[in-house]
Protein backbone atom coordinates (compact mmCIF):
# COMPACT_ATOMS: atom_id res chain seq x y z
CA MET A 1 147.65 -110.65 -54.21
CA LYS A 2 148.20 -109.48 -57.77
CA ILE A 3 144.90 -110.04 -59.55
CA LEU A 4 144.30 -109.53 -63.26
CA HIS A 5 140.77 -109.39 -64.69
CA THR A 6 140.23 -110.00 -68.41
CA GLU A 7 137.04 -108.91 -70.16
CA ALA A 8 136.47 -109.29 -73.91
CA SER A 9 133.05 -107.63 -73.86
CA CYS A 10 132.80 -104.10 -75.18
CA GLY A 11 129.29 -103.63 -73.80
CA TRP A 12 128.18 -102.08 -70.53
CA GLY A 13 125.93 -103.82 -68.08
CA GLY A 14 125.89 -105.75 -64.84
CA GLN A 15 128.83 -107.97 -65.78
CA GLU A 16 131.19 -105.12 -66.57
CA ILE A 17 130.05 -103.07 -63.59
CA ARG A 18 130.65 -106.02 -61.27
CA ILE A 19 134.23 -106.39 -62.51
CA LEU A 20 135.00 -102.75 -61.74
CA GLU A 21 133.14 -102.70 -58.41
CA GLU A 22 134.86 -105.88 -57.30
CA SER A 23 138.23 -104.54 -58.42
CA ARG A 24 137.70 -101.28 -56.54
CA GLY A 25 136.76 -103.19 -53.40
CA LEU A 26 139.78 -105.49 -53.59
CA ILE A 27 142.11 -102.55 -54.18
CA ALA A 28 140.70 -100.96 -51.02
CA ARG A 29 141.59 -104.18 -49.19
CA GLY A 30 145.23 -103.90 -50.26
CA HIS A 31 145.37 -106.07 -53.38
CA GLU A 32 146.92 -105.06 -56.71
CA VAL A 33 144.21 -105.30 -59.35
CA THR A 34 144.35 -104.54 -63.08
CA VAL A 35 141.70 -105.00 -65.76
CA VAL A 36 142.60 -105.98 -69.33
CA CYS A 37 140.03 -105.21 -72.03
CA PRO A 38 139.83 -103.88 -75.61
CA ALA A 39 140.80 -100.24 -76.11
CA HIS A 40 137.33 -99.27 -77.36
CA ALA A 41 135.44 -101.12 -74.61
CA ARG A 42 133.18 -99.11 -72.34
CA THR A 43 135.01 -100.71 -69.42
CA THR A 44 138.20 -98.96 -70.53
CA ALA A 45 136.45 -95.60 -70.44
CA GLU A 46 134.77 -96.21 -67.08
CA ALA A 47 137.72 -97.72 -65.19
CA ALA A 48 139.18 -94.37 -64.14
CA ARG A 49 135.91 -93.41 -62.45
CA PHE A 50 136.22 -96.55 -60.32
CA GLY A 51 139.91 -95.95 -59.62
CA VAL A 52 140.91 -99.19 -61.34
CA PRO A 53 144.04 -99.49 -63.54
CA VAL A 54 143.23 -100.72 -67.05
CA VAL A 55 145.39 -102.13 -69.85
CA SER A 56 144.11 -102.13 -73.43
CA LEU A 57 144.78 -105.30 -75.44
CA PRO A 58 143.02 -106.70 -78.56
CA ILE A 59 141.13 -109.49 -76.76
CA GLU A 60 137.60 -108.88 -78.06
CA PHE A 61 137.84 -111.91 -80.36
CA LYS A 62 139.74 -115.20 -80.44
CA THR A 63 142.59 -114.09 -82.74
CA ILE A 64 146.29 -114.82 -83.06
CA ALA A 65 147.01 -111.15 -82.40
CA GLY A 66 144.96 -111.26 -79.20
CA PHE A 67 146.69 -114.46 -78.07
CA LYS A 68 150.16 -113.01 -78.66
CA ALA A 69 149.35 -109.71 -76.98
CA LEU A 70 147.92 -111.37 -73.88
CA ARG A 71 150.69 -113.96 -73.71
CA ASP A 72 153.35 -111.25 -73.91
CA TYR A 73 151.60 -109.24 -71.21
CA LEU A 74 151.32 -112.24 -68.87
CA ALA A 75 154.97 -113.12 -69.48
CA SER A 76 156.17 -109.62 -68.62
CA HIS A 77 153.73 -108.72 -65.82
CA ALA A 78 153.60 -111.25 -63.00
CA SER A 79 150.12 -111.99 -61.63
CA ASP A 80 148.98 -114.43 -58.99
CA VAL A 81 145.51 -114.93 -60.46
CA VAL A 82 143.78 -114.15 -63.75
CA ASN A 83 140.00 -113.89 -63.47
CA THR A 84 138.36 -114.32 -66.90
CA HIS A 85 134.79 -113.26 -67.61
CA SER A 86 133.73 -113.84 -71.24
CA SER A 87 134.31 -116.53 -73.83
CA ALA A 88 137.03 -114.91 -75.96
CA ASP A 89 139.19 -113.75 -73.08
CA SER A 90 138.78 -117.11 -71.32
CA TRP A 91 140.10 -118.93 -74.39
CA LEU A 92 142.94 -116.49 -74.96
CA THR A 93 143.95 -116.63 -71.28
CA SER A 94 143.82 -120.42 -71.09
CA LEU A 95 145.88 -120.85 -74.26
CA ALA A 96 148.36 -118.18 -73.22
CA CYS A 97 148.81 -119.70 -69.76
CA ALA A 98 149.26 -123.16 -71.28
CA SER A 99 152.26 -121.81 -73.20
CA LEU A 100 153.96 -120.21 -70.19
CA ALA A 101 156.49 -121.90 -67.91
CA ASN A 102 155.07 -120.36 -64.71
CA PRO A 103 151.52 -119.28 -65.46
CA PRO A 104 149.21 -117.60 -62.95
CA ALA A 105 146.16 -119.41 -61.64
CA ILE A 106 142.95 -118.98 -63.61
CA VAL A 107 139.54 -118.27 -62.09
CA ARG A 108 136.64 -118.35 -64.55
CA THR A 109 133.51 -116.35 -63.72
CA ARG A 110 130.31 -117.27 -65.55
CA HIS A 111 127.87 -114.37 -65.23
CA ILE A 112 124.83 -115.24 -67.36
CA SER A 113 122.43 -118.18 -67.18
CA ALA A 114 122.50 -119.02 -70.91
CA PRO A 115 123.15 -122.77 -71.23
CA VAL A 116 126.78 -123.87 -71.39
CA SER A 117 127.57 -126.46 -74.05
CA GLY A 118 129.06 -129.65 -72.67
CA ASN A 119 131.25 -130.29 -75.70
CA PHE A 120 134.88 -131.39 -75.47
CA ALA A 121 136.26 -127.89 -76.08
CA ASN A 122 134.26 -126.33 -73.24
CA ARG A 123 135.16 -129.16 -70.89
CA TRP A 124 138.83 -128.53 -71.64
CA LEU A 125 138.42 -124.77 -71.22
CA TYR A 126 136.72 -124.90 -67.83
CA ARG A 127 139.21 -127.46 -66.55
CA GLN A 128 142.03 -124.97 -67.07
CA ALA A 129 140.57 -122.91 -64.24
CA SER A 130 141.54 -123.64 -60.65
CA ALA A 131 138.12 -122.33 -59.65
CA VAL A 132 134.87 -121.45 -61.38
CA VAL A 133 132.57 -118.74 -60.03
CA THR A 134 128.90 -118.37 -60.97
CA THR A 135 126.51 -115.58 -60.07
CA GLY A 136 123.81 -117.91 -58.78
CA GLU A 137 123.33 -121.39 -57.33
CA SER A 138 121.14 -122.66 -60.19
CA LEU A 139 123.85 -121.65 -62.67
CA ARG A 140 126.44 -123.35 -60.47
CA ARG A 141 124.52 -126.63 -60.61
CA HIS A 142 124.12 -126.31 -64.39
CA VAL A 143 127.85 -125.78 -64.91
CA ILE A 144 128.74 -128.74 -62.68
CA ASP A 145 126.25 -131.09 -64.33
CA THR A 146 126.96 -130.04 -67.91
CA LEU A 147 130.75 -129.92 -67.74
CA GLY A 148 131.32 -132.66 -65.17
CA LEU A 149 133.27 -130.37 -62.85
CA ASP A 150 134.23 -131.10 -59.26
CA PRO A 151 131.56 -129.34 -57.15
CA GLN A 152 134.28 -128.23 -54.72
CA ARG A 153 135.81 -126.09 -57.48
CA VAL A 154 132.60 -124.26 -58.42
CA THR A 155 131.23 -121.54 -56.14
CA SER A 156 128.20 -119.28 -56.38
CA VAL A 157 129.04 -115.66 -55.54
CA PRO A 158 126.18 -113.29 -56.37
CA THR A 159 127.08 -109.72 -57.17
CA GLY A 160 127.27 -107.48 -54.11
CA ILE A 161 125.81 -103.97 -54.01
CA ASP A 162 126.81 -100.84 -52.09
CA THR A 163 124.21 -100.76 -49.30
CA GLU A 164 124.85 -97.11 -48.44
CA ARG A 165 124.51 -95.83 -51.99
CA PHE A 166 121.38 -97.86 -52.70
CA ALA A 167 118.97 -97.13 -49.87
CA PRO A 168 115.42 -95.83 -49.38
CA ALA A 169 114.94 -92.07 -49.72
CA ASP A 170 112.15 -89.52 -49.67
CA LYS A 171 110.23 -90.35 -52.85
CA ALA A 172 108.76 -86.89 -53.42
CA ALA A 173 112.15 -85.22 -53.02
CA ALA A 174 113.79 -87.76 -55.35
CA THR A 175 111.07 -87.21 -57.94
CA ILE A 176 111.41 -83.43 -57.85
CA ALA A 177 115.22 -83.64 -58.02
CA LEU A 178 114.91 -85.48 -61.35
CA GLY A 179 112.47 -82.95 -62.72
CA LEU A 180 109.55 -85.37 -62.56
CA ASP A 181 106.01 -84.57 -61.45
CA PRO A 182 105.42 -85.79 -57.86
CA GLN A 183 101.70 -85.98 -58.61
CA HIS A 184 102.38 -88.93 -60.91
CA LYS A 185 103.07 -92.54 -59.97
CA HIS A 186 106.27 -93.93 -61.47
CA LEU A 187 106.81 -97.49 -62.68
CA GLY A 188 110.41 -98.15 -63.64
CA ILE A 189 113.04 -100.48 -65.01
CA VAL A 190 116.82 -100.15 -64.82
CA ALA A 191 118.49 -102.47 -67.32
CA THR A 192 120.60 -102.54 -70.45
CA LEU A 193 118.25 -102.35 -73.44
CA ARG A 194 118.60 -105.96 -74.57
CA SER A 195 115.80 -108.12 -75.93
CA TRP A 196 115.80 -110.64 -73.07
CA LYS A 197 115.30 -107.95 -70.44
CA GLY A 198 111.65 -107.86 -71.58
CA HIS A 199 111.15 -104.14 -72.22
CA LEU A 200 108.66 -104.79 -75.03
CA PHE A 201 106.47 -106.89 -72.72
CA LEU A 202 106.67 -104.18 -70.07
CA LEU A 203 105.48 -101.61 -72.61
CA ASP A 204 102.51 -103.82 -73.49
CA ALA A 205 101.68 -104.20 -69.80
CA PHE A 206 102.00 -100.47 -69.22
CA ALA A 207 99.61 -99.75 -72.09
CA GLN A 208 97.12 -102.30 -70.73
CA LEU A 209 97.03 -100.59 -67.33
CA LYS A 210 95.33 -97.49 -68.76
CA ARG A 211 96.23 -95.32 -65.76
CA PRO A 212 96.60 -91.66 -66.80
CA GLU A 213 98.55 -90.81 -63.63
CA LEU A 214 101.16 -93.55 -64.22
CA ARG A 215 104.51 -92.85 -65.90
CA LEU A 216 107.10 -95.38 -67.07
CA LEU A 217 110.80 -94.68 -66.49
CA ILE A 218 113.18 -96.72 -68.66
CA VAL A 219 116.75 -96.27 -67.43
CA GLY A 220 119.51 -97.79 -69.53
CA GLU A 221 120.92 -97.89 -73.04
CA GLY A 222 121.53 -100.65 -75.54
CA PRO A 223 120.79 -102.25 -78.90
CA MET A 224 117.02 -102.47 -78.33
CA ARG A 225 116.50 -98.71 -78.16
CA GLY A 226 115.19 -98.51 -81.73
CA PRO A 227 112.57 -101.27 -81.34
CA ILE A 228 111.55 -99.83 -77.95
CA GLU A 229 111.00 -96.38 -79.46
CA GLU A 230 108.96 -97.94 -82.28
CA LYS A 231 106.85 -99.87 -79.77
CA ILE A 232 106.19 -96.74 -77.71
CA ALA A 233 104.99 -94.91 -80.82
CA ALA A 234 102.82 -97.82 -81.97
CA LEU A 235 101.12 -98.03 -78.56
CA GLY A 236 100.50 -94.28 -78.48
CA ILE A 237 102.11 -93.83 -75.06
CA ARG A 238 104.99 -91.52 -75.95
CA GLU A 239 103.81 -88.77 -73.59
CA ARG A 240 103.85 -91.13 -70.59
CA VAL A 241 107.16 -92.96 -71.15
CA MET A 242 110.60 -91.52 -70.43
CA LEU A 243 113.70 -93.07 -71.98
CA ALA A 244 116.30 -91.78 -69.54
CA GLY A 245 119.31 -93.40 -71.22
CA GLN A 246 122.42 -94.67 -69.47
CA ARG A 247 122.85 -93.04 -66.05
CA SER A 248 125.73 -92.99 -63.61
CA ASP A 249 123.26 -92.42 -60.75
CA PRO A 250 120.70 -95.25 -61.00
CA GLU A 251 120.02 -94.98 -57.27
CA ARG A 252 118.38 -91.57 -57.78
CA TRP A 253 116.00 -93.02 -60.36
CA LEU A 254 115.16 -96.04 -58.23
CA GLN A 255 114.41 -93.78 -55.28
CA ALA A 256 111.83 -91.93 -57.40
CA MET A 257 109.96 -95.12 -58.40
CA ASP A 258 106.79 -96.50 -56.85
CA VAL A 259 107.17 -99.96 -58.42
CA PHE A 260 110.20 -101.62 -60.02
CA CYS A 261 109.78 -104.20 -62.77
CA LEU A 262 112.31 -106.51 -64.44
CA PRO A 263 110.44 -108.86 -66.84
CA SER A 264 113.50 -110.78 -68.10
CA TYR A 265 112.96 -114.00 -70.02
CA ALA A 266 116.56 -115.30 -70.43
CA ASN A 267 120.25 -114.97 -69.59
CA GLU A 268 120.03 -113.76 -65.99
CA GLY A 269 122.18 -114.62 -63.03
CA VAL A 270 121.14 -112.62 -59.99
CA PRO A 271 120.58 -109.25 -61.70
CA GLN A 272 122.24 -106.23 -60.12
CA ALA A 273 119.19 -104.10 -60.88
CA ILE A 274 116.99 -106.41 -58.79
CA LEU A 275 119.41 -106.14 -55.87
CA GLN A 276 119.64 -102.36 -56.22
CA ALA A 277 115.85 -102.06 -56.23
CA MET A 278 115.64 -104.33 -53.18
CA LEU A 279 118.11 -102.17 -51.27
CA CYS A 280 116.05 -99.10 -52.16
CA GLY A 281 113.06 -100.80 -50.51
CA LEU A 282 111.00 -100.98 -53.70
CA PRO A 283 108.12 -103.38 -54.35
CA ILE A 284 109.23 -105.52 -57.28
CA VAL A 285 107.54 -107.41 -60.11
CA THR A 286 109.82 -109.87 -61.89
CA THR A 287 110.06 -113.35 -63.43
CA PRO A 288 111.47 -116.72 -62.25
CA VAL A 289 114.32 -116.62 -64.79
CA GLY A 290 117.96 -117.58 -64.19
CA ALA A 291 118.86 -117.08 -60.53
CA ILE A 292 116.32 -114.32 -59.81
CA LEU A 293 114.48 -116.50 -57.30
CA GLU A 294 117.68 -116.78 -55.29
CA ALA A 295 117.22 -113.09 -54.47
CA VAL A 296 113.43 -112.71 -54.19
CA SER A 297 110.50 -114.97 -53.39
CA ASP A 298 106.90 -114.67 -54.53
CA LYS A 299 104.53 -112.75 -52.23
CA ASN A 300 107.34 -112.37 -49.69
CA SER A 301 109.80 -109.91 -51.21
CA ALA A 302 108.37 -109.55 -54.74
CA LEU A 303 105.54 -110.57 -57.04
CA ILE A 304 106.63 -113.21 -59.55
CA VAL A 305 104.93 -113.56 -62.94
CA PRO A 306 105.56 -115.84 -65.93
CA PRO A 307 108.02 -114.51 -68.53
CA LYS A 308 106.63 -112.98 -71.74
CA ASP A 309 103.19 -112.47 -70.16
CA ALA A 310 102.15 -108.82 -70.44
CA ALA A 311 98.72 -109.42 -68.91
CA ALA A 312 100.24 -111.00 -65.79
CA LEU A 313 102.73 -108.14 -65.57
CA ALA A 314 99.95 -105.58 -65.77
CA ALA A 315 97.91 -107.35 -63.10
CA ALA A 316 100.84 -107.56 -60.67
CA ILE A 317 101.86 -103.94 -61.21
CA GLY A 318 98.27 -102.80 -60.73
CA ARG A 319 98.00 -104.81 -57.53
CA LEU A 320 101.03 -103.05 -56.03
CA LEU A 321 99.81 -99.63 -57.12
CA ASP A 322 96.44 -100.27 -55.48
CA ASP A 323 97.67 -101.92 -52.27
CA SER A 324 100.13 -99.63 -50.50
CA THR A 325 100.35 -101.96 -47.49
CA LEU A 326 101.42 -104.91 -49.65
CA ALA A 327 103.87 -102.71 -51.56
CA ALA A 328 105.46 -101.45 -48.33
CA THR A 329 105.66 -104.96 -46.84
CA LEU A 330 107.34 -106.43 -49.92
CA GLY A 331 109.74 -103.50 -50.16
CA ALA A 332 110.78 -103.73 -46.51
CA GLU A 333 111.44 -107.47 -46.73
CA ALA A 334 113.38 -107.01 -49.97
CA ARG A 335 115.57 -104.41 -48.29
CA ARG A 336 116.20 -106.70 -45.31
CA VAL A 337 117.18 -109.68 -47.50
CA ALA A 338 119.45 -107.69 -49.80
CA SER A 339 121.22 -105.97 -46.91
CA ALA A 340 121.91 -109.30 -45.23
CA ASP A 341 122.88 -111.42 -48.24
CA PHE A 342 123.90 -109.24 -51.18
CA SER A 343 126.18 -106.49 -49.89
CA ARG A 344 129.40 -105.59 -51.67
CA GLU A 345 131.41 -106.57 -48.58
CA ALA A 346 129.81 -110.02 -48.58
CA MET A 347 130.84 -110.48 -52.22
CA LEU A 348 134.42 -109.48 -51.47
CA ASP A 349 134.51 -111.76 -48.43
CA ARG A 350 133.58 -114.67 -50.72
CA MET A 351 135.92 -113.79 -53.59
CA GLU A 352 139.11 -113.26 -51.57
CA PRO A 353 139.44 -116.88 -50.38
CA ILE A 354 138.65 -118.16 -53.88
CA PHE A 355 141.55 -116.16 -55.30
CA SER A 356 143.83 -117.20 -52.42
CA ALA A 357 143.03 -120.89 -52.88
CA ALA A 358 143.54 -120.65 -56.65
CA MET A 359 146.94 -119.02 -56.12
CA ARG A 360 147.99 -121.79 -53.72
CA ASP A 361 146.76 -124.40 -56.20
CA ALA A 362 148.89 -122.89 -58.98
CA ASN A 363 151.98 -122.92 -56.76
């Protein structure tokens, strides 16, 4: 198949990484895959590292120029399926395809759990897609109920992770390799620095723990860096917190952690960072937000706390630091679940028939 992905977002997080990982996997299976995104998007810069062809078009916003550029590209470059991922590119693709005599099929992927408006415009937009993909079952049900879509056309396909890359490793060796002190315990988070990821609540919880041997590793970059730095200074914990920035090797940082925490309070599907931590066999503290509970369950493969509750976060983190047996049990079960249900190959196995069916529907 000839598959075209469109992505209006210029940011860099789980959504953009999934597009490139999925594209790389489908290329390896013999499909022709291209990604269309704005020239200044991070996806454009990263695509070469994934071995994915990229085309730069002005699709960041819903503009006449973006519509014309995408329409001209679709008219001159035959595709079987266009997989859209954000609002602007979904609108531009749908309008462009509506103006073509022989348009490709459209598959719309909805990544985040933010509520979808059920207005007339959105109902029209989602009905232009032969298939809709969500990253979790709860989001799938929301989309069906809100937009009145045929349940047969909406499928949950959580993001799949490379199970060989993300795996348990010798913690002391991983710590030393990063230049960290193996005498310390390391609590960590891997996430884009966005407000809803809950970094500020994690900092409050970390300060409440009052454990001199504990260090906090914050891996990721984003618009909340300034407020996070201000919070660290205000709490007086600068010497015990490391802002590692955006890393191309998150697995190395996860392998050095004793406890992983993702205290999100909005906008989550099944977060890639949770799945990566699970595959690394880490004990996890997280919240019941979005589709997170489709990956982990309380006291079985993670400890679940209410969102925006620093005291509950601190208590759960402290419990895992103090109970090595519980931490090991949760980590082992998390690894088992993620390996069975959230591998990259499983994701590709689910996406291929969706694209094939959409192509047949268009023909």
